Amino acid sequence: MGIDATPPVVRRGILLDVARALGKKVLPNAFPIGRRELETAAKKERVSLKSGDVVLVRTGWAQYWKDPVKFVANEKGLRESSWMGRNG
């Protein structure tokens, strides 16, 4: 099921630039983003997250979108603990 099959989502959107918050243009390959990294980015952006917010996370890897071998090989993303409400 692709995003094209998802109904519209109308929520407050927050962009967390995790790469910039950690002083990088691009996060390292397979860098696990956890609660600490999200909180660091939110603090630097001076935003607070609220229940129901939609959060977009910038890793810097979009620059490799046209290089599918490099883009797909990177295991970027959130650690389970970051979205399960546990410390991590």
PDB file of N, CA and C in Angstrom:
ATOM      1  N   MET A   1       0.850  -1.168   0.000  1.00  0.00           N
ATOM      2  CA  MET A   1       0.000   0.000   0.000  1.00  0.00           C
ATOM      3  C   MET A   1       0.897   1.234   0.000  1.00  0.00           C
ATOM      4  N   GLY A   2       0.749   2.050  -0.991  1.00  0.00           N
ATOM      5  CA  GLY A   2       1.549   3.261  -1.111  1.00  0.00           C
ATOM      6  C   GLY A   2       0.885   4.462  -0.488  1.00  0.00           C
ATOM      7  N   ILE A   3       1.626   5.548  -0.436  1.00  0.00           N
ATOM      8  CA  ILE A   3       1.098   6.790   0.131  1.00  0.00           C
ATOM      9  C   ILE A   3      -0.085   7.290  -0.695  1.00  0.00           C
ATOM     10  N   ASP A   4      -0.144   6.900  -1.984  1.00  0.00           N
ATOM     11  CA  ASP A   4      -1.252   7.318  -2.831  1.00  0.00           C
ATOM     12  C   ASP A   4      -2.588   6.739  -2.369  1.00  0.00           C
ATOM     13  N   ALA A   5      -2.546   5.687  -1.551  1.00  0.00           N
ATOM     14  CA  ALA A   5      -3.773   5.071  -1.033  1.00  0.00           C
ATOM     15  C   ALA A   5      -4.143   5.595   0.358  1.00  0.00           C
ATOM     16  N   THR A   6      -3.351   6.513   0.878  1.00  0.00           N
ATOM     17  CA  THR A   6      -3.582   7.058   2.209  1.00  0.00           C
ATOM     18  C   THR A   6      -4.492   8.284   2.114  1.00  0.00           C
ATOM     19  N   PRO A   7      -5.508   8.349   2.955  1.00  0.00           N
ATOM     20  CA  PRO A   7      -6.378   9.533   2.924  1.00  0.00           C
ATOM     21  C   PRO A   7      -5.609  10.775   3.398  1.00  0.00           C
ATOM     22  N   PRO A   8      -6.105  11.956   3.074  1.00  0.00           N
ATOM     23  CA  PRO A   8      -5.422  13.185   3.495  1.00  0.00           C
ATOM     24  C   PRO A   8      -5.227  13.243   5.010  1.00  0.00           C
ATOM     25  N   VAL A   9      -4.111  13.814   5.398  1.00  0.00           N
ATOM     26  CA  VAL A   9      -3.804  14.012   6.813  1.00  0.00           C
ATOM     27  C   VAL A   9      -3.702  15.517   7.037  1.00  0.00           C
ATOM     28  N   VAL A  10      -4.563  16.033   7.904  1.00  0.00           N
ATOM     29  CA  VAL A  10      -4.535  17.459   8.199  1.00  0.00           C
ATOM     30  C   VAL A  10      -4.127  17.599   9.662  1.00  0.00           C
ATOM     31  N   ARG A  11      -2.897  17.954   9.852  1.00  0.00           N
ATOM     32  CA  ARG A  11      -2.315  18.099  11.185  1.00  0.00           C
ATOM     33  C   ARG A  11      -1.271  19.202  11.155  1.00  0.00           C
ATOM     34  N   ARG A  12      -0.831  19.594  12.315  1.00  0.00           N
ATOM     35  CA  ARG A  12       0.283  20.528  12.406  1.00  0.00           C
ATOM     36  C   ARG A  12       1.537  19.768  12.006  1.00  0.00           C
ATOM     37  N   GLY A  13       2.320  20.329  11.101  1.00  0.00           N
ATOM     38  CA  GLY A  13       3.549  19.689  10.644  1.00  0.00           C
ATOM     39  C   GLY A  13       4.773  20.325  11.266  1.00  0.00           C
ATOM     40  N   ILE A  14       5.704  19.480  11.684  1.00  0.00           N
ATOM     41  CA  ILE A  14       6.950  19.935  12.285  1.00  0.00           C
ATOM     42  C   ILE A  14       8.100  19.308  11.495  1.00  0.00           C
ATOM     43  N   LEU A  15       9.075  20.105  11.090  1.00  0.00           N
ATOM     44  CA  LEU A  15      10.273  19.587  10.449  1.00  0.00           C
ATOM     45  C   LEU A  15      11.395  19.598  11.470  1.00  0.00           C
ATOM     46  N   LEU A  16      11.938  18.421  11.751  1.00  0.00           N
ATOM     47  CA  LEU A  16      13.098  18.326  12.636  1.00  0.00           C
ATOM     48  C   LEU A  16      14.319  18.019  11.777  1.00  0.00           C
ATOM     49  N   ASP A  17      15.211  18.982  11.689  1.00  0.00           N
ATOM     50  CA  ASP A  17      16.439  18.826  10.906  1.00  0.00           C
ATOM     51  C   ASP A  17      17.493  18.191  11.809  1.00  0.00           C
ATOM     52  N   VAL A  18      17.424  16.878  11.916  1.00  0.00           N
ATOM     53  CA  VAL A  18      18.315  16.141  12.816  1.00  0.00           C
ATOM     54  C   VAL A  18      19.761  16.277  12.361  1.00  0.00           C
ATOM     55  N   ALA A  19      19.998  16.205  11.063  1.00  0.00           N
ATOM     56  CA  ALA A  19      21.372  16.331  10.561  1.00  0.00           C
ATOM     57  C   ALA A  19      21.980  17.660  11.008  1.00  0.00           C
ATOM     58  N   ARG A  20      21.288  18.758  10.772  1.00  0.00           N
ATOM     59  CA  ARG A  20      21.821  20.076  11.141  1.00  0.00           C
ATOM     60  C   ARG A  20      21.977  20.212  12.656  1.00  0.00           C
ATOM     61  N   ALA A  21      21.023  19.687  13.403  1.00  0.00           N
ATOM     62  CA  ALA A  21      21.091  19.778  14.861  1.00  0.00           C
ATOM     63  C   ALA A  21      22.323  19.069  15.409  1.00  0.00           C
ATOM     64  N   LEU A  22      22.783  18.049  14.675  1.00  0.00           N
ATOM     65  CA  LEU A  22      23.977  17.317  15.100  1.00  0.00           C
ATOM     66  C   LEU A  22      25.243  17.823  14.415  1.00  0.00           C
ATOM     67  N   GLY A  23      25.119  18.966  13.710  1.00  0.00           N
ATOM     68  CA  GLY A  23      26.279  19.590  13.082  1.00  0.00           C
ATOM     69  C   GLY A  23      26.763  18.881  11.822  1.00  0.00           C
ATOM     70  N   LYS A  24      25.839  18.225  11.104  1.00  0.00           N
ATOM     71  CA  LYS A  24      26.214  17.477   9.908  1.00  0.00           C
ATOM     72  C   LYS A  24      25.351  17.901   8.731  1.00  0.00           C
ATOM     73  N   LYS A  25      25.907  17.776   7.509  1.00  0.00           N
ATOM     74  CA  LYS A  25      25.109  17.994   6.306  1.00  0.00           C
ATOM     75  C   LYS A  25      24.256  16.764   6.024  1.00  0.00           C
ATOM     76  N   VAL A  26      24.824  15.585   6.309  1.00  0.00           N
ATOM     77  CA  VAL A  26      24.155  14.305   6.084  1.00  0.00           C
ATOM     78  C   VAL A  26      24.487  13.402   7.267  1.00  0.00           C
ATOM     79  N   LEU A  27      23.486  12.706   7.780  1.00  0.00           N
ATOM     80  CA  LEU A  27      23.752  11.757   8.865  1.00  0.00           C
ATOM     81  C   LEU A  27      24.571  10.583   8.322  1.00  0.00           C
ATOM     82  N   PRO A  28      25.405   9.982   9.159  1.00  0.00           N
ATOM     83  CA  PRO A  28      26.188   8.828   8.718  1.00  0.00           C
ATOM     84  C   PRO A  28      25.284   7.679   8.262  1.00  0.00           C
ATOM     85  N   ASN A  29      25.842   6.821   7.431  1.00  0.00           N
ATOM     86  CA  ASN A  29      25.123   5.648   6.945  1.00  0.00           C
ATOM     87  C   ASN A  29      24.621   4.821   8.123  1.00  0.00           C
ATOM     88  N   ALA A  30      23.377   4.389   8.049  1.00  0.00           N
ATOM     89  CA  ALA A  30      22.744   3.536   9.066  1.00  0.00           C
ATOM     90  C   ALA A  30      22.677   4.200  10.443  1.00  0.00           C
ATOM     91  N   PHE A  31      22.662   5.514  10.496  1.00  0.00           N
ATOM     92  CA  PHE A  31      22.597   6.230  11.773  1.00  0.00           C
ATOM     93  C   PHE A  31      21.209   6.054  12.386  1.00  0.00           C
ATOM     94  N   PRO A  32      21.126   5.497  13.585  1.00  0.00           N
ATOM     95  CA  PRO A  32      19.811   5.314  14.218  1.00  0.00           C
ATOM     96  C   PRO A  32      19.356   6.600  14.915  1.00  0.00           C
ATOM     97  N   ILE A  33      18.205   7.096  14.547  1.00  0.00           N
ATOM     98  CA  ILE A  33      17.663   8.312  15.146  1.00  0.00           C
ATOM     99  C   ILE A  33      16.769   7.907  16.311  1.00  0.00           C
ATOM    100  N   GLY A  34      17.127   8.374  17.476  1.00  0.00           N
ATOM    101  CA  GLY A  34      16.372   8.041  18.676  1.00  0.00           C
ATOM    102  C   GLY A  34      15.787   9.267  19.340  1.00  0.00           C
ATOM    103  N   ARG A  35      15.235   9.047  20.497  1.00  0.00           N
ATOM    104  CA  ARG A  35      14.585  10.119  21.256  1.00  0.00           C
ATOM    105  C   ARG A  35      15.539  11.291  21.505  1.00  0.00           C
ATOM    106  N   ARG A  36      16.772  10.996  21.868  1.00  0.00           N
ATOM    107  CA  ARG A  36      17.749  12.053  22.160  1.00  0.00           C
ATOM    108  C   ARG A  36      17.972  12.958  20.944  1.00  0.00           C
ATOM    109  N   GLU A  37      18.115  12.349  19.768  1.00  0.00           N
ATOM    110  CA  GLU A  37      18.353  13.125  18.555  1.00  0.00           C
ATOM    111  C   GLU A  37      17.136  13.972  18.190  1.00  0.00           C
ATOM    112  N   LEU A  38      15.940  13.420  18.357  1.00  0.00           N
ATOM    113  CA  LEU A  38      14.718  14.178  18.071  1.00  0.00           C
ATOM    114  C   LEU A  38      14.559  15.346  19.039  1.00  0.00           C
ATOM    115  N   GLU A  39      14.837  15.113  20.307  1.00  0.00           N
ATOM    116  CA  GLU A  39      14.723  16.182  21.307  1.00  0.00           C
ATOM    117  C   GLU A  39      15.768  17.270  21.067  1.00  0.00           C
ATOM    118  N   THR A  40      16.972  16.874  20.674  1.00  0.00           N
ATOM    119  CA  THR A  40      18.022  17.847  20.365  1.00  0.00           C
ATOM    120  C   THR A  40      17.590  18.736  19.202  1.00  0.00           C
ATOM    121  N   ALA A  41      17.062  18.133  18.155  1.00  0.00           N
ATOM    122  CA  ALA A  41      16.605  18.904  16.991  1.00  0.00           C
ATOM    123  C   ALA A  41      15.448  19.828  17.370  1.00  0.00           C
ATOM    124  N   ALA A  42      14.492  19.337  18.129  1.00  0.00           N
ATOM    125  CA  ALA A  42      13.346  20.156  18.539  1.00  0.00           C
ATOM    126  C   ALA A  42      13.805  21.357  19.366  1.00  0.00           C
ATOM    127  N   LYS A  43      14.745  21.129  20.257  1.00  0.00           N
ATOM    128  CA  LYS A  43      15.254  22.215  21.098  1.00  0.00           C
ATOM    129  C   LYS A  43      15.956  23.274  20.239  1.00  0.00           C
ATOM    130  N   LYS A  44      16.780  22.836  19.290  1.00  0.00           N
ATOM    131  CA  LYS A  44      17.492  23.786  18.429  1.00  0.00           C
ATOM    132  C   LYS A  44      16.532  24.556  17.520  1.00  0.00           C
ATOM    133  N   GLU A  45      15.426  23.918  17.131  1.00  0.00           N
ATOM    134  CA  GLU A  45      14.424  24.578  16.286  1.00  0.00           C
ATOM    135  C   GLU A  45      13.433  25.398  17.107  1.00  0.00           C
ATOM    136  N   ARG A  46      13.528  25.269  18.422  1.00  0.00           N
ATOM    137  CA  ARG A  46      12.628  25.968  19.348  1.00  0.00           C
ATOM    138  C   ARG A  46      11.158  25.603  19.103  1.00  0.00           C
ATOM    139  N   VAL A  47      10.924  24.297  18.960  1.00  0.00           N
ATOM    140  CA  VAL A  47       9.553  23.807  18.805  1.00  0.00           C
ATOM    141  C   VAL A  47       9.298  22.734  19.850  1.00  0.00           C
ATOM    142  N   SER A  48       8.046  22.593  20.190  1.00  0.00           N
ATOM    143  CA  SER A  48       7.664  21.503  21.085  1.00  0.00           C
ATOM    144  C   SER A  48       6.666  20.628  20.338  1.00  0.00           C
ATOM    145  N   LEU A  49       6.797  19.344  20.551  1.00  0.00           N
ATOM    146  CA  LEU A  49       5.915  18.395  19.881  1.00  0.00           C
ATOM    147  C   LEU A  49       4.682  18.156  20.732  1.00  0.00           C
ATOM    148  N   LYS A  50       3.556  18.082  20.059  1.00  0.00           N
ATOM    149  CA  LYS A  50       2.286  17.853  20.740  1.00  0.00           C
ATOM    150  C   LYS A  50       1.623  16.613  20.151  1.00  0.00           C
ATOM    151  N   SER A  51       0.791  15.996  20.921  1.00  0.00           N
ATOM    152  CA  SER A  51       0.054  14.834  20.451  1.00  0.00           C
ATOM    153  C   SER A  51      -0.691  15.179  19.163  1.00  0.00           C
ATOM    154  N   GLY A  52      -0.583  14.342  18.167  1.00  0.00           N
ATOM    155  CA  GLY A  52      -1.246  14.568  16.895  1.00  0.00           C
ATOM    156  C   GLY A  52      -0.388  15.258  15.859  1.00  0.00           C
ATOM    157  N   ASP A  53       0.775  15.784  16.240  1.00  0.00           N
ATOM    158  CA  ASP A  53       1.668  16.422  15.278  1.00  0.00           C
ATOM    159  C   ASP A  53       2.193  15.403  14.276  1.00  0.00           C
ATOM    160  N   VAL A  54       2.438  15.870  13.075  1.00  0.00           N
ATOM    161  CA  VAL A  54       3.108  15.075  12.051  1.00  0.00           C
ATOM    162  C   VAL A  54       4.538  15.600  11.983  1.00  0.00           C
ATOM    163  N   VAL A  55       5.498  14.705  12.173  1.00  0.00           N
ATOM    164  CA  VAL A  55       6.894  15.110  12.225  1.00  0.00           C
ATOM    165  C   VAL A  55       7.635  14.584  11.006  1.00  0.00           C
ATOM    166  N   LEU A  56       8.275  15.498  10.286  1.00  0.00           N
ATOM    167  CA  LEU A  56       9.150  15.139   9.182  1.00  0.00           C
ATOM    168  C   LEU A  56      10.579  15.240   9.701  1.00  0.00           C
ATOM    169  N   VAL A  57      11.375  14.233   9.421  1.00  0.00           N
ATOM    170  CA  VAL A  57      12.741  14.194   9.926  1.00  0.00           C
ATOM    171  C   VAL A  57      13.705  14.328   8.753  1.00  0.00           C
ATOM    172  N   ARG A  58      14.544  15.363   8.788  1.00  0.00           N
ATOM    173  CA  ARG A  58      15.543  15.556   7.738  1.00  0.00           C
ATOM    174  C   ARG A  58      16.834  14.877   8.158  1.00  0.00           C
ATOM    175  N   THR A  59      17.312  13.972   7.289  1.00  0.00           N
ATOM    176  CA  THR A  59      18.571  13.251   7.533  1.00  0.00           C
ATOM    177  C   THR A  59      19.682  13.735   6.619  1.00  0.00           C
ATOM    178  N   GLY A  60      19.314  14.419   5.531  1.00  0.00           N
ATOM    179  CA  GLY A  60      20.286  14.850   4.539  1.00  0.00           C
ATOM    180  C   GLY A  60      20.430  13.864   3.384  1.00  0.00           C
ATOM    181  N   TRP A  61      19.861  12.684   3.539  1.00  0.00           N
ATOM    182  CA  TRP A  61      20.019  11.644   2.530  1.00  0.00           C
ATOM    183  C   TRP A  61      19.203  11.889   1.272  1.00  0.00           C
ATOM    184  N   ALA A  62      18.307  12.855   1.253  1.00  0.00           N
ATOM    185  CA  ALA A  62      17.524  13.140   0.050  1.00  0.00           C
ATOM    186  C   ALA A  62      18.432  13.506  -1.120  1.00  0.00           C
ATOM    187  N   GLN A  63      19.612  14.032  -0.837  1.00  0.00           N
ATOM    188  CA  GLN A  63      20.534  14.386  -1.920  1.00  0.00           C
ATOM    189  C   GLN A  63      20.982  13.171  -2.724  1.00  0.00           C
ATOM    190  N   TYR A  64      20.798  11.980  -2.160  1.00  0.00           N
ATOM    191  CA  TYR A  64      21.193  10.752  -2.860  1.00  0.00           C
ATOM    192  C   TYR A  64      20.008  10.049  -3.519  1.00  0.00           C
ATOM    193  N   TRP A  65      18.854  10.694  -3.577  1.00  0.00           N
ATOM    194  CA  TRP A  65      17.642  10.093  -4.123  1.00  0.00           C
ATOM    195  C   TRP A  65      17.851   9.547  -5.536  1.00  0.00           C
ATOM    196  N   LYS A  66      18.611  10.262  -6.361  1.00  0.00           N
ATOM    197  CA  LYS A  66      18.825   9.835  -7.743  1.00  0.00           C
ATOM    198  C   LYS A  66      19.895   8.748  -7.866  1.00  0.00           C
ATOM    199  N   ASP A  67      20.476   8.358  -6.771  1.00  0.00           N
ATOM    200  CA  ASP A  67      21.452   7.253  -6.750  1.00  0.00           C
ATOM    201  C   ASP A  67      20.831   6.131  -5.921  1.00  0.00           C
ATOM    202  N   PRO A  68      19.973   5.306  -6.551  1.00  0.00           N
ATOM    203  CA  PRO A  68      19.223   4.310  -5.782  1.00  0.00           C
ATOM    204  C   PRO A  68      20.094   3.309  -5.036  1.00  0.00           C
ATOM    205  N   VAL A  69      21.240   2.988  -5.580  1.00  0.00           N
ATOM    206  CA  VAL A  69      22.117   2.036  -4.896  1.00  0.00           C
ATOM    207  C   VAL A  69      22.564   2.611  -3.556  1.00  0.00           C
ATOM    208  N   LYS A  70      23.013   3.846  -3.573  1.00  0.00           N
ATOM    209  CA  LYS A  70      23.471   4.486  -2.334  1.00  0.00           C
ATOM    210  C   LYS A  70      22.294   4.793  -1.401  1.00  0.00           C
ATOM    211  N   PHE A  71      21.202   5.331  -1.964  1.00  0.00           N
ATOM    212  CA  PHE A  71      20.069   5.734  -1.140  1.00  0.00           C
ATOM    213  C   PHE A  71      19.422   4.544  -0.436  1.00  0.00           C
ATOM    214  N   VAL A  72      19.154   3.487  -1.160  1.00  0.00           N
ATOM    215  CA  VAL A  72      18.456   2.333  -0.600  1.00  0.00           C
ATOM    216  C   VAL A  72      19.352   1.539   0.343  1.00  0.00           C
ATOM    217  N   ALA A  73      20.647   1.531   0.101  1.00  0.00           N
ATOM    218  CA  ALA A  73      21.570   0.752   0.934  1.00  0.00           C
ATOM    219  C   ALA A  73      21.682   1.313   2.354  1.00  0.00           C
ATOM    220  N   ASN A  74      21.349   2.573   2.548  1.00  0.00           N
ATOM    221  CA  ASN A  74      21.466   3.205   3.859  1.00  0.00           C
ATOM    222  C   ASN A  74      20.246   2.870   4.709  1.00  0.00           C
ATOM    223  N   GLU A  75      20.471   2.326   5.873  1.00  0.00           N
ATOM    224  CA  GLU A  75      19.378   1.977   6.787  1.00  0.00           C
ATOM    225  C   GLU A  75      19.059   3.151   7.699  1.00  0.00           C
ATOM    226  N   LYS A  76      18.570   4.221   7.105  1.00  0.00           N
ATOM    227  CA  LYS A  76      18.255   5.413   7.886  1.00  0.00           C
ATOM    228  C   LYS A  76      16.896   5.267   8.555  1.00  0.00           C
ATOM    229  N   GLY A  77      16.695   5.991   9.618  1.00  0.00           N
ATOM    230  CA  GLY A  77      15.371   5.996  10.205  1.00  0.00           C
ATOM    231  C   GLY A  77      15.360   6.015  11.718  1.00  0.00           C
ATOM    232  N   LEU A  78      14.153   5.953  12.233  1.00  0.00           N
ATOM    233  CA  LEU A  78      13.945   6.037  13.671  1.00  0.00           C
ATOM    234  C   LEU A  78      14.192   4.690  14.330  1.00  0.00           C
ATOM    235  N   ARG A  79      14.810   4.751  15.501  1.00  0.00           N
ATOM    236  CA  ARG A  79      14.914   3.550  16.332  1.00  0.00           C
ATOM    237  C   ARG A  79      13.539   3.295  16.920  1.00  0.00           C
ATOM    238  N   GLU A  80      13.230   2.053  17.175  1.00  0.00           N
ATOM    239  CA  GLU A  80      11.928   1.699  17.749  1.00  0.00           C
ATOM    240  C   GLU A  80      11.661   2.477  19.018  1.00  0.00           C
ATOM    241  N   SER A  81      12.677   2.651  19.853  1.00  0.00           N
ATOM    242  CA  SER A  81      12.483   3.337  21.132  1.00  0.00           C
ATOM    243  C   SER A  81      12.054   4.780  20.959  1.00  0.00           C
ATOM    244  N   SER A  82      12.362   5.409  19.821  1.00  0.00           N
ATOM    245  CA  SER A  82      12.005   6.816  19.635  1.00  0.00           C
ATOM    246  C   SER A  82      10.515   6.991  19.406  1.00  0.00           C
ATOM    247  N   TRP A  83       9.858   6.008  18.842  1.00  0.00           N
ATOM    248  CA  TRP A  83       8.419   6.139  18.606  1.00  0.00           C
ATOM    249  C   TRP A  83       7.580   5.295  19.517  1.00  0.00           C
ATOM    250  N   MET A  84       8.220   4.484  20.342  1.00  0.00           N
ATOM    251  CA  MET A  84       7.477   3.654  21.289  1.00  0.00           C
ATOM    252  C   MET A  84       7.364   4.321  22.658  1.00  0.00           C
ATOM    253  N   GLY A  85       7.916   5.531  22.794  1.00  0.00           N
ATOM    254  CA  GLY A  85       7.790   6.252  24.045  1.00  0.00           C
ATOM    255  C   GLY A  85       8.804   5.827  25.106  1.00  0.00           C
ATOM    256  N   ARG A  86       9.775   5.029  24.722  1.00  0.00           N
ATOM    257  CA  ARG A  86      10.834   4.628  25.653  1.00  0.00           C
ATOM    258  C   ARG A  86      12.047   5.490  25.447  1.00  0.00           C
ATOM    259  N   ASN A  87      12.895   5.542  26.432  1.00  0.00           N
ATOM    260  CA  ASN A  87      14.153   6.285  26.270  1.00  0.00           C
ATOM    261  C   ASN A  87      15.045   5.529  25.307  1.00  0.00           C
ATOM    262  N   GLY A  88      15.778   6.248  24.510  1.00  0.00           N
ATOM    263  CA  GLY A  88      16.668   5.579  23.570  1.00  0.00           C
ATOM    264  C   GLY A  88      17.399   6.524  22.706  1.00  0.00           C
TER     265      GLY A  88
END
